[in-house]
Amino acid sequence: MIRAAWGTVALASLLAAAPRPPLRAQPAPAAVPVARSGVYRNLFREIGKTDAEIAAKVDAAIHAFFFGDSTIRNYDTLGADEAYILDSGNNDIRSEGMSYGMMLAVQAGLKPEFDRLWNFARRRLRHAGGDLQGYFAWQANADGTVRDSGPAPDGEQYLAMALLQT
């Protein structure tokens, strides 16, 4: 017990003595809120990246998400005209993941990928009748069968937002 405590004290002393990089100055708050100005901070630009470097980084991330190899890709096709976003941590499909994928597809101009995701969500997750008619099941298996039929507000809202962007 004493040994562990001394080790902690020694580690804390070393960390305190280590040189630290200078803190970056925080940007001043915007004079006009983003909601009114439409001007968003670009954190990549703030750390000195060029527009070309930023575009390359975003394009690479989107390409990996939709078209990368199976170790990195989150987008998978099912059948002739459907696709889903797999929650790799839980090995299932969730409405919020589907909606995030649809939003990314819209913003990246990937209409075929958007349409495949929407086809899956509309056909397999959307309730056609009953008390939940029009809502989407929040969780499904990778084969498209519903695991939990209850809706999730975040998934519902982002699905609607993605559809409004098209």
N, C-alpha and C. Protein backbone atom coordinates (compact mmCIF):
# COMPACT_ATOMS: atom_id res chain seq x y z
N MET A 1 0.82 -1.19 0.00
CA MET A 1 0.00 0.00 0.00
C MET A 1 0.87 1.25 0.00
N ILE A 2 1.87 1.29 0.87
CA ILE A 2 2.76 2.45 0.92
C ILE A 2 3.53 2.58 -0.39
N ARG A 3 3.96 1.46 -0.93
CA ARG A 3 4.70 1.47 -2.19
C ARG A 3 3.87 2.09 -3.31
N ALA A 4 2.60 1.71 -3.38
CA ALA A 4 1.72 2.27 -4.40
C ALA A 4 1.55 3.77 -4.20
N ALA A 5 1.42 4.20 -2.98
CA ALA A 5 1.26 5.63 -2.71
C ALA A 5 2.52 6.39 -3.10
N TRP A 6 3.71 5.87 -2.78
CA TRP A 6 4.96 6.53 -3.16
C TRP A 6 5.10 6.56 -4.68
N GLY A 7 4.69 5.48 -5.35
CA GLY A 7 4.74 5.46 -6.80
C GLY A 7 3.86 6.54 -7.40
N THR A 8 2.71 6.75 -6.80
CA THR A 8 1.80 7.78 -7.27
C THR A 8 2.41 9.16 -7.07
N VAL A 9 3.02 9.36 -5.90
CA VAL A 9 3.67 10.66 -5.62
C VAL A 9 4.81 10.89 -6.60
N ALA A 10 5.62 9.86 -6.86
CA ALA A 10 6.74 10.00 -7.79
C ALA A 10 6.24 10.32 -9.20
N LEU A 11 5.19 9.64 -9.64
CA LEU A 11 4.63 9.90 -10.96
C LEU A 11 4.09 11.32 -11.04
N ALA A 12 3.39 11.76 -10.01
CA ALA A 12 2.85 13.12 -10.00
C ALA A 12 3.99 14.15 -10.05
N SER A 13 5.10 13.88 -9.36
CA SER A 13 6.24 14.80 -9.40
C SER A 13 6.85 14.87 -10.79
N LEU A 14 6.98 13.72 -11.45
CA LEU A 14 7.52 13.71 -12.81
C LEU A 14 6.62 14.47 -13.77
N LEU A 15 5.32 14.26 -13.65
CA LEU A 15 4.39 14.94 -14.53
C LEU A 15 4.42 16.45 -14.31
N ALA A 16 4.53 16.86 -13.06
CA ALA A 16 4.56 18.28 -12.74
C ALA A 16 5.81 18.94 -13.31
N ALA A 17 6.92 18.19 -13.35
CA ALA A 17 8.18 18.74 -13.83
C ALA A 17 8.30 18.70 -15.35
N ALA A 18 7.47 17.92 -16.02
CA ALA A 18 7.56 17.76 -17.47
C ALA A 18 7.18 19.07 -18.17
N PRO A 19 7.90 19.40 -19.25
CA PRO A 19 7.54 20.62 -19.98
C PRO A 19 6.17 20.45 -20.63
N ARG A 20 5.40 21.51 -20.62
CA ARG A 20 4.06 21.47 -21.18
C ARG A 20 3.98 22.40 -22.37
N PRO A 21 3.25 21.99 -23.41
CA PRO A 21 3.08 22.91 -24.55
C PRO A 21 2.22 24.10 -24.12
N PRO A 22 2.46 25.25 -24.73
CA PRO A 22 1.66 26.42 -24.36
C PRO A 22 0.20 26.20 -24.75
N LEU A 23 -0.69 26.74 -23.94
CA LEU A 23 -2.11 26.65 -24.24
C LEU A 23 -2.44 27.57 -25.40
N ARG A 24 -3.32 27.11 -26.29
CA ARG A 24 -3.77 27.95 -27.40
C ARG A 24 -4.79 28.95 -26.87
N ALA A 25 -4.75 30.12 -27.42
CA ALA A 25 -5.74 31.11 -27.05
C ALA A 25 -7.10 30.65 -27.55
N GLN A 26 -8.09 30.79 -26.71
CA GLN A 26 -9.44 30.41 -27.10
C GLN A 26 -10.02 31.50 -28.00
N PRO A 27 -10.74 31.10 -29.06
CA PRO A 27 -11.34 32.12 -29.92
C PRO A 27 -12.40 32.90 -29.16
N ALA A 28 -12.53 34.13 -29.52
CA ALA A 28 -13.55 34.97 -28.88
C ALA A 28 -14.93 34.48 -29.30
N PRO A 29 -15.89 34.57 -28.39
CA PRO A 29 -17.25 34.16 -28.78
C PRO A 29 -17.74 35.00 -29.95
N ALA A 30 -18.52 34.37 -30.81
CA ALA A 30 -19.05 35.07 -31.97
C ALA A 30 -19.97 36.20 -31.51
N ALA A 31 -19.90 37.32 -32.20
CA ALA A 31 -20.75 38.46 -31.87
C ALA A 31 -22.21 38.15 -32.19
N VAL A 32 -22.41 37.36 -33.24
CA VAL A 32 -23.76 36.97 -33.65
C VAL A 32 -23.85 35.45 -33.53
N PRO A 33 -24.87 34.92 -32.87
CA PRO A 33 -24.98 33.47 -32.73
C PRO A 33 -25.02 32.76 -34.09
N VAL A 34 -24.49 31.55 -34.12
CA VAL A 34 -24.42 30.77 -35.35
C VAL A 34 -25.79 30.62 -36.00
N ALA A 35 -26.81 30.43 -35.18
CA ALA A 35 -28.15 30.23 -35.72
C ALA A 35 -28.60 31.42 -36.58
N ARG A 36 -28.10 32.61 -36.26
CA ARG A 36 -28.48 33.79 -37.04
C ARG A 36 -27.47 34.10 -38.14
N SER A 37 -26.19 33.88 -37.86
CA SER A 37 -25.16 34.26 -38.83
C SER A 37 -24.96 33.20 -39.92
N GLY A 38 -25.17 31.94 -39.56
CA GLY A 38 -24.89 30.85 -40.50
C GLY A 38 -23.40 30.59 -40.65
N VAL A 39 -22.58 31.21 -39.83
CA VAL A 39 -21.12 31.04 -39.90
C VAL A 39 -20.70 30.12 -38.76
N TYR A 40 -20.14 28.98 -39.14
CA TYR A 40 -19.71 27.98 -38.17
C TYR A 40 -18.20 27.98 -38.03
N ARG A 41 -17.74 27.66 -36.82
CA ARG A 41 -16.30 27.52 -36.60
C ARG A 41 -15.81 26.31 -37.39
N ASN A 42 -14.59 26.42 -37.90
CA ASN A 42 -13.94 25.29 -38.55
C ASN A 42 -12.68 25.00 -37.73
N LEU A 43 -12.78 23.98 -36.89
CA LEU A 43 -11.67 23.68 -35.98
C LEU A 43 -10.41 23.25 -36.73
N PHE A 44 -10.57 22.60 -37.88
CA PHE A 44 -9.39 22.26 -38.67
C PHE A 44 -8.67 23.52 -39.13
N ARG A 45 -9.42 24.50 -39.59
CA ARG A 45 -8.82 25.74 -40.04
C ARG A 45 -8.15 26.47 -38.87
N GLU A 46 -8.78 26.40 -37.70
CA GLU A 46 -8.23 27.07 -36.52
C GLU A 46 -6.90 26.49 -36.08
N ILE A 47 -6.64 25.22 -36.42
CA ILE A 47 -5.32 24.65 -36.07
C ILE A 47 -4.34 24.72 -37.23
N GLY A 48 -4.73 25.48 -38.27
CA GLY A 48 -3.78 25.76 -39.35
C GLY A 48 -3.88 24.90 -40.59
N LYS A 49 -4.91 24.07 -40.71
CA LYS A 49 -5.06 23.24 -41.91
C LYS A 49 -5.58 24.09 -43.07
N THR A 50 -5.12 23.75 -44.28
CA THR A 50 -5.58 24.46 -45.48
C THR A 50 -6.93 23.90 -45.91
N ASP A 51 -7.64 24.62 -46.77
CA ASP A 51 -8.91 24.13 -47.28
C ASP A 51 -8.73 22.80 -48.01
N ALA A 52 -7.64 22.66 -48.75
CA ALA A 52 -7.37 21.41 -49.47
C ALA A 52 -7.14 20.26 -48.49
N GLU A 53 -6.41 20.51 -47.42
CA GLU A 53 -6.17 19.47 -46.41
C GLU A 53 -7.48 19.08 -45.72
N ILE A 54 -8.31 20.07 -45.43
CA ILE A 54 -9.60 19.81 -44.78
C ILE A 54 -10.49 18.97 -45.70
N ALA A 55 -10.59 19.36 -46.96
CA ALA A 55 -11.43 18.62 -47.92
C ALA A 55 -10.93 17.18 -48.07
N ALA A 56 -9.62 16.99 -48.12
CA ALA A 56 -9.06 15.64 -48.27
C ALA A 56 -9.37 14.79 -47.04
N LYS A 57 -9.29 15.37 -45.87
CA LYS A 57 -9.57 14.64 -44.62
C LYS A 57 -11.04 14.23 -44.56
N VAL A 58 -11.94 15.14 -44.87
CA VAL A 58 -13.38 14.85 -44.84
C VAL A 58 -13.72 13.80 -45.91
N ASP A 59 -13.20 13.97 -47.12
CA ASP A 59 -13.46 13.01 -48.20
C ASP A 59 -12.96 11.61 -47.83
N ALA A 60 -11.79 11.53 -47.22
CA ALA A 60 -11.24 10.24 -46.83
C ALA A 60 -12.11 9.58 -45.76
N ALA A 61 -12.60 10.36 -44.81
CA ALA A 61 -13.45 9.80 -43.75
C ALA A 61 -14.77 9.29 -44.32
N ILE A 62 -15.38 10.06 -45.20
CA ILE A 62 -16.65 9.64 -45.81
C ILE A 62 -16.43 8.40 -46.68
N HIS A 63 -15.35 8.38 -47.45
CA HIS A 63 -15.05 7.22 -48.29
C HIS A 63 -14.85 5.98 -47.43
N ALA A 64 -14.12 6.10 -46.33
CA ALA A 64 -13.89 4.96 -45.45
C ALA A 64 -15.21 4.48 -44.83
N PHE A 65 -16.06 5.40 -44.43
CA PHE A 65 -17.34 5.07 -43.80
C PHE A 65 -18.24 4.27 -44.74
N PHE A 66 -18.33 4.71 -45.99
CA PHE A 66 -19.23 4.06 -46.94
C PHE A 66 -18.57 2.97 -47.77
N PHE A 67 -17.29 3.13 -48.12
CA PHE A 67 -16.68 2.24 -49.11
C PHE A 67 -15.38 1.57 -48.66
N GLY A 68 -14.96 1.79 -47.42
CA GLY A 68 -13.72 1.20 -46.94
C GLY A 68 -13.82 -0.31 -46.83
N ASP A 69 -12.71 -0.94 -46.47
CA ASP A 69 -12.76 -2.40 -46.31
C ASP A 69 -13.60 -2.75 -45.07
N SER A 70 -13.86 -4.02 -44.89
CA SER A 70 -14.80 -4.46 -43.86
C SER A 70 -14.33 -4.16 -42.43
N THR A 71 -13.06 -3.83 -42.25
CA THR A 71 -12.58 -3.52 -40.90
C THR A 71 -12.90 -2.08 -40.49
N ILE A 72 -13.26 -1.23 -41.44
CA ILE A 72 -13.49 0.18 -41.12
C ILE A 72 -14.86 0.68 -41.57
N ARG A 73 -15.41 0.06 -42.59
CA ARG A 73 -16.69 0.50 -43.18
C ARG A 73 -17.84 0.26 -42.20
N ASN A 74 -18.81 1.19 -42.16
CA ASN A 74 -20.03 1.02 -41.37
C ASN A 74 -21.25 0.76 -42.23
N TYR A 75 -21.14 1.00 -43.52
CA TYR A 75 -22.24 0.88 -44.47
C TYR A 75 -22.17 -0.49 -45.13
N ASP A 76 -23.28 -1.24 -45.07
CA ASP A 76 -23.32 -2.55 -45.71
C ASP A 76 -24.60 -2.67 -46.52
N THR A 77 -24.51 -3.31 -47.68
CA THR A 77 -25.68 -3.49 -48.53
C THR A 77 -26.41 -4.78 -48.15
N LEU A 78 -27.69 -4.78 -48.47
CA LEU A 78 -28.53 -5.96 -48.24
C LEU A 78 -29.47 -6.08 -49.42
N GLY A 79 -29.36 -7.16 -50.16
CA GLY A 79 -30.21 -7.34 -51.33
C GLY A 79 -29.86 -6.36 -52.43
N ALA A 80 -30.80 -6.18 -53.35
CA ALA A 80 -30.55 -5.37 -54.54
C ALA A 80 -30.56 -3.87 -54.29
N ASP A 81 -31.36 -3.40 -53.33
CA ASP A 81 -31.51 -1.94 -53.21
C ASP A 81 -31.65 -1.45 -51.77
N GLU A 82 -31.08 -2.18 -50.82
CA GLU A 82 -31.13 -1.76 -49.42
C GLU A 82 -29.72 -1.75 -48.83
N ALA A 83 -29.56 -0.95 -47.79
CA ALA A 83 -28.29 -0.91 -47.05
C ALA A 83 -28.59 -0.50 -45.62
N TYR A 84 -27.64 -0.76 -44.76
CA TYR A 84 -27.80 -0.40 -43.35
C TYR A 84 -26.46 0.04 -42.78
N ILE A 85 -26.54 0.71 -41.64
CA ILE A 85 -25.35 1.11 -40.88
C ILE A 85 -25.28 0.19 -39.67
N LEU A 86 -24.22 -0.58 -39.57
CA LEU A 86 -24.07 -1.52 -38.48
C LEU A 86 -23.45 -0.84 -37.26
N ASP A 87 -24.06 -1.02 -36.11
CA ASP A 87 -23.47 -0.60 -34.84
C ASP A 87 -22.50 -1.72 -34.45
N SER A 88 -21.23 -1.51 -34.75
CA SER A 88 -20.25 -2.58 -34.57
C SER A 88 -20.03 -2.94 -33.11
N GLY A 89 -20.30 -2.02 -32.20
CA GLY A 89 -20.13 -2.32 -30.77
C GLY A 89 -21.20 -3.26 -30.25
N ASN A 90 -22.37 -3.26 -30.90
CA ASN A 90 -23.47 -4.11 -30.45
C ASN A 90 -23.92 -5.10 -31.51
N ASN A 91 -23.28 -5.06 -32.67
CA ASN A 91 -23.61 -5.95 -33.79
C ASN A 91 -25.10 -5.91 -34.12
N ASP A 92 -25.63 -4.70 -34.23
CA ASP A 92 -27.02 -4.54 -34.61
C ASP A 92 -27.19 -3.25 -35.39
N ILE A 93 -28.41 -2.99 -35.79
CA ILE A 93 -28.75 -1.79 -36.56
C ILE A 93 -29.65 -0.94 -35.68
N ARG A 94 -29.37 0.35 -35.62
CA ARG A 94 -30.15 1.25 -34.78
C ARG A 94 -30.65 2.42 -35.62
N SER A 95 -31.83 2.90 -35.28
CA SER A 95 -32.44 3.97 -36.09
C SER A 95 -31.56 5.21 -36.12
N GLU A 96 -30.90 5.53 -35.01
CA GLU A 96 -30.05 6.73 -35.05
C GLU A 96 -28.84 6.54 -35.95
N GLY A 97 -28.29 5.34 -36.00
CA GLY A 97 -27.18 5.07 -36.92
C GLY A 97 -27.63 5.17 -38.37
N MET A 98 -28.81 4.65 -38.64
CA MET A 98 -29.36 4.75 -40.00
C MET A 98 -29.54 6.22 -40.39
N SER A 99 -30.07 7.00 -39.46
CA SER A 99 -30.32 8.41 -39.77
C SER A 99 -29.02 9.19 -39.93
N TYR A 100 -28.01 8.88 -39.12
CA TYR A 100 -26.71 9.56 -39.28
C TYR A 100 -26.12 9.22 -40.65
N GLY A 101 -26.21 7.95 -41.04
CA GLY A 101 -25.72 7.54 -42.35
C GLY A 101 -26.45 8.25 -43.47
N MET A 102 -27.77 8.42 -43.32
CA MET A 102 -28.55 9.13 -44.34
C MET A 102 -28.12 10.60 -44.41
N MET A 103 -27.88 11.22 -43.25
CA MET A 103 -27.45 12.62 -43.25
C MET A 103 -26.08 12.77 -43.90
N LEU A 104 -25.16 11.86 -43.60
CA LEU A 104 -23.84 11.91 -44.24
C LEU A 104 -23.97 11.74 -45.75
N ALA A 105 -24.81 10.80 -46.18
CA ALA A 105 -24.99 10.56 -47.61
C ALA A 105 -25.53 11.80 -48.31
N VAL A 106 -26.50 12.46 -47.70
CA VAL A 106 -27.06 13.69 -48.30
C VAL A 106 -25.97 14.74 -48.42
N GLN A 107 -25.24 14.97 -47.32
CA GLN A 107 -24.23 16.03 -47.31
C GLN A 107 -23.07 15.74 -48.24
N ALA A 108 -22.80 14.45 -48.49
CA ALA A 108 -21.69 14.08 -49.39
C ALA A 108 -22.15 13.88 -50.83
N GLY A 109 -23.45 14.05 -51.08
CA GLY A 109 -23.96 13.88 -52.45
C GLY A 109 -24.00 12.43 -52.90
N LEU A 110 -24.19 11.52 -51.98
CA LEU A 110 -24.21 10.09 -52.29
C LEU A 110 -25.67 9.61 -52.36
N LYS A 111 -26.37 10.00 -53.41
CA LYS A 111 -27.78 9.68 -53.54
C LYS A 111 -28.07 8.18 -53.57
N PRO A 112 -27.32 7.36 -54.32
CA PRO A 112 -27.60 5.92 -54.31
C PRO A 112 -27.49 5.31 -52.90
N GLU A 113 -26.50 5.76 -52.13
CA GLU A 113 -26.32 5.24 -50.78
C GLU A 113 -27.46 5.72 -49.87
N PHE A 114 -27.85 6.98 -50.03
CA PHE A 114 -28.99 7.51 -49.27
C PHE A 114 -30.24 6.69 -49.58
N ASP A 115 -30.52 6.47 -50.86
CA ASP A 115 -31.72 5.73 -51.26
C ASP A 115 -31.73 4.32 -50.70
N ARG A 116 -30.59 3.64 -50.71
CA ARG A 116 -30.52 2.28 -50.16
C ARG A 116 -30.81 2.29 -48.65
N LEU A 117 -30.24 3.27 -47.93
CA LEU A 117 -30.50 3.36 -46.48
C LEU A 117 -31.97 3.66 -46.22
N TRP A 118 -32.55 4.59 -46.99
CA TRP A 118 -33.95 4.93 -46.81
C TRP A 118 -34.84 3.73 -47.13
N ASN A 119 -34.51 2.98 -48.18
CA ASN A 119 -35.29 1.79 -48.51
C ASN A 119 -35.30 0.80 -47.34
N PHE A 120 -34.14 0.58 -46.73
CA PHE A 120 -34.06 -0.34 -45.59
C PHE A 120 -34.90 0.18 -44.44
N ALA A 121 -34.72 1.45 -44.08
CA ALA A 121 -35.44 2.03 -42.95
C ALA A 121 -36.95 2.00 -43.19
N ARG A 122 -37.36 2.39 -44.37
CA ARG A 122 -38.79 2.47 -44.70
C ARG A 122 -39.43 1.08 -44.73
N ARG A 123 -38.74 0.11 -45.31
CA ARG A 123 -39.32 -1.23 -45.46
C ARG A 123 -39.22 -2.08 -44.21
N ARG A 124 -38.12 -1.95 -43.48
CA ARG A 124 -37.86 -2.89 -42.39
C ARG A 124 -38.05 -2.31 -40.99
N LEU A 125 -37.87 -1.00 -40.83
CA LEU A 125 -37.97 -0.42 -39.50
C LEU A 125 -39.27 0.35 -39.27
N ARG A 126 -39.87 0.86 -40.31
CA ARG A 126 -41.08 1.68 -40.18
C ARG A 126 -42.29 0.81 -39.89
N HIS A 127 -43.08 1.23 -38.90
CA HIS A 127 -44.31 0.51 -38.55
C HIS A 127 -45.41 0.90 -39.53
N ALA A 128 -46.02 -0.10 -40.18
CA ALA A 128 -47.08 0.14 -41.16
C ALA A 128 -48.45 0.29 -40.52
N GLY A 129 -48.61 -0.15 -39.30
CA GLY A 129 -49.92 -0.05 -38.65
C GLY A 129 -49.79 -0.11 -37.14
N GLY A 130 -50.94 -0.09 -36.48
CA GLY A 130 -50.96 -0.18 -35.02
C GLY A 130 -50.68 1.14 -34.34
N ASP A 131 -50.47 1.07 -33.03
CA ASP A 131 -50.23 2.28 -32.24
C ASP A 131 -48.97 3.02 -32.64
N LEU A 132 -48.02 2.31 -33.23
CA LEU A 132 -46.75 2.92 -33.62
C LEU A 132 -46.67 3.24 -35.11
N GLN A 133 -47.80 3.25 -35.79
CA GLN A 133 -47.82 3.50 -37.23
C GLN A 133 -47.06 4.78 -37.57
N GLY A 134 -46.15 4.65 -38.55
CA GLY A 134 -45.35 5.80 -38.98
C GLY A 134 -44.05 5.97 -38.21
N TYR A 135 -43.94 5.37 -37.04
CA TYR A 135 -42.69 5.42 -36.28
C TYR A 135 -41.76 4.30 -36.77
N PHE A 136 -40.50 4.38 -36.34
CA PHE A 136 -39.49 3.41 -36.75
C PHE A 136 -39.01 2.61 -35.54
N ALA A 137 -38.83 1.31 -35.72
CA ALA A 137 -38.23 0.49 -34.67
C ALA A 137 -36.80 0.98 -34.46
N TRP A 138 -36.38 1.07 -33.23
CA TRP A 138 -35.05 1.63 -32.96
C TRP A 138 -33.93 0.61 -33.13
N GLN A 139 -34.26 -0.70 -33.14
CA GLN A 139 -33.19 -1.70 -33.17
C GLN A 139 -33.58 -2.89 -34.04
N ALA A 140 -32.63 -3.35 -34.86
CA ALA A 140 -32.85 -4.51 -35.73
C ALA A 140 -31.57 -5.34 -35.80
N ASN A 141 -31.72 -6.56 -36.26
CA ASN A 141 -30.58 -7.44 -36.50
C ASN A 141 -30.00 -7.14 -37.88
N ALA A 142 -28.80 -7.63 -38.13
CA ALA A 142 -28.13 -7.36 -39.41
C ALA A 142 -28.87 -7.96 -40.60
N ASP A 143 -29.77 -8.93 -40.37
CA ASP A 143 -30.56 -9.47 -41.48
C ASP A 143 -31.83 -8.66 -41.73
N GLY A 144 -32.04 -7.61 -40.93
CA GLY A 144 -33.19 -6.74 -41.13
C GLY A 144 -34.39 -7.05 -40.27
N THR A 145 -34.34 -8.13 -39.48
CA THR A 145 -35.47 -8.42 -38.60
C THR A 145 -35.42 -7.51 -37.38
N VAL A 146 -36.58 -7.04 -36.96
CA VAL A 146 -36.67 -6.09 -35.84
C VAL A 146 -36.36 -6.81 -34.54
N ARG A 147 -35.50 -6.19 -33.76
CA ARG A 147 -35.14 -6.73 -32.44
C ARG A 147 -35.96 -6.05 -31.35
N ASP A 148 -36.17 -4.74 -31.46
CA ASP A 148 -36.99 -3.98 -30.50
C ASP A 148 -37.82 -2.99 -31.30
N SER A 149 -39.12 -3.09 -31.20
CA SER A 149 -40.00 -2.29 -32.05
C SER A 149 -40.25 -0.88 -31.55
N GLY A 150 -39.83 -0.56 -30.35
CA GLY A 150 -40.07 0.78 -29.83
C GLY A 150 -39.32 1.84 -30.60
N PRO A 151 -39.89 3.04 -30.71
CA PRO A 151 -39.19 4.12 -31.40
C PRO A 151 -38.16 4.80 -30.48
N ALA A 152 -37.21 5.49 -31.07
CA ALA A 152 -36.22 6.28 -30.33
C ALA A 152 -36.29 7.71 -30.87
N PRO A 153 -36.55 8.68 -30.00
CA PRO A 153 -36.72 10.07 -30.47
C PRO A 153 -35.56 10.60 -31.30
N ASP A 154 -34.32 10.28 -30.93
CA ASP A 154 -33.19 10.82 -31.70
C ASP A 154 -33.17 10.24 -33.10
N GLY A 155 -33.42 8.96 -33.23
CA GLY A 155 -33.46 8.35 -34.55
C GLY A 155 -34.58 8.92 -35.41
N GLU A 156 -35.75 9.11 -34.80
CA GLU A 156 -36.90 9.66 -35.52
C GLU A 156 -36.58 11.07 -36.03
N GLN A 157 -36.02 11.90 -35.16
CA GLN A 157 -35.75 13.29 -35.54
C GLN A 157 -34.69 13.38 -36.63
N TYR A 158 -33.63 12.59 -36.52
CA TYR A 158 -32.59 12.65 -37.54
C TYR A 158 -33.03 12.03 -38.86
N LEU A 159 -33.91 11.02 -38.81
CA LEU A 159 -34.47 10.50 -40.06
C LEU A 159 -35.25 11.61 -40.77
N ALA A 160 -36.08 12.32 -39.99
CA ALA A 160 -36.86 13.42 -40.58
C ALA A 160 -35.93 14.49 -41.13
N MET A 161 -34.88 14.82 -40.40
CA MET A 161 -33.95 15.86 -40.85
C MET A 161 -33.27 15.45 -42.15
N ALA A 162 -32.85 14.18 -42.23
CA ALA A 162 -32.20 13.69 -43.44
C ALA A 162 -33.15 13.77 -44.63
N LEU A 163 -34.41 13.41 -44.42
CA LEU A 163 -35.38 13.45 -45.49
C LEU A 163 -35.67 14.89 -45.93
N LEU A 164 -35.66 15.82 -44.99
CA LEU A 164 -35.89 17.23 -45.34
C LEU A 164 -34.72 17.83 -46.12
N GLN A 165 -33.54 17.25 -45.98
CA GLN A 165 -32.36 17.76 -46.70
C GLN A 165 -32.32 17.30 -48.15
N THR A 166 -33.11 16.29 -48.51
CA THR A 166 -33.05 15.76 -49.88
C THR A 166 -33.80 16.65 -50.85
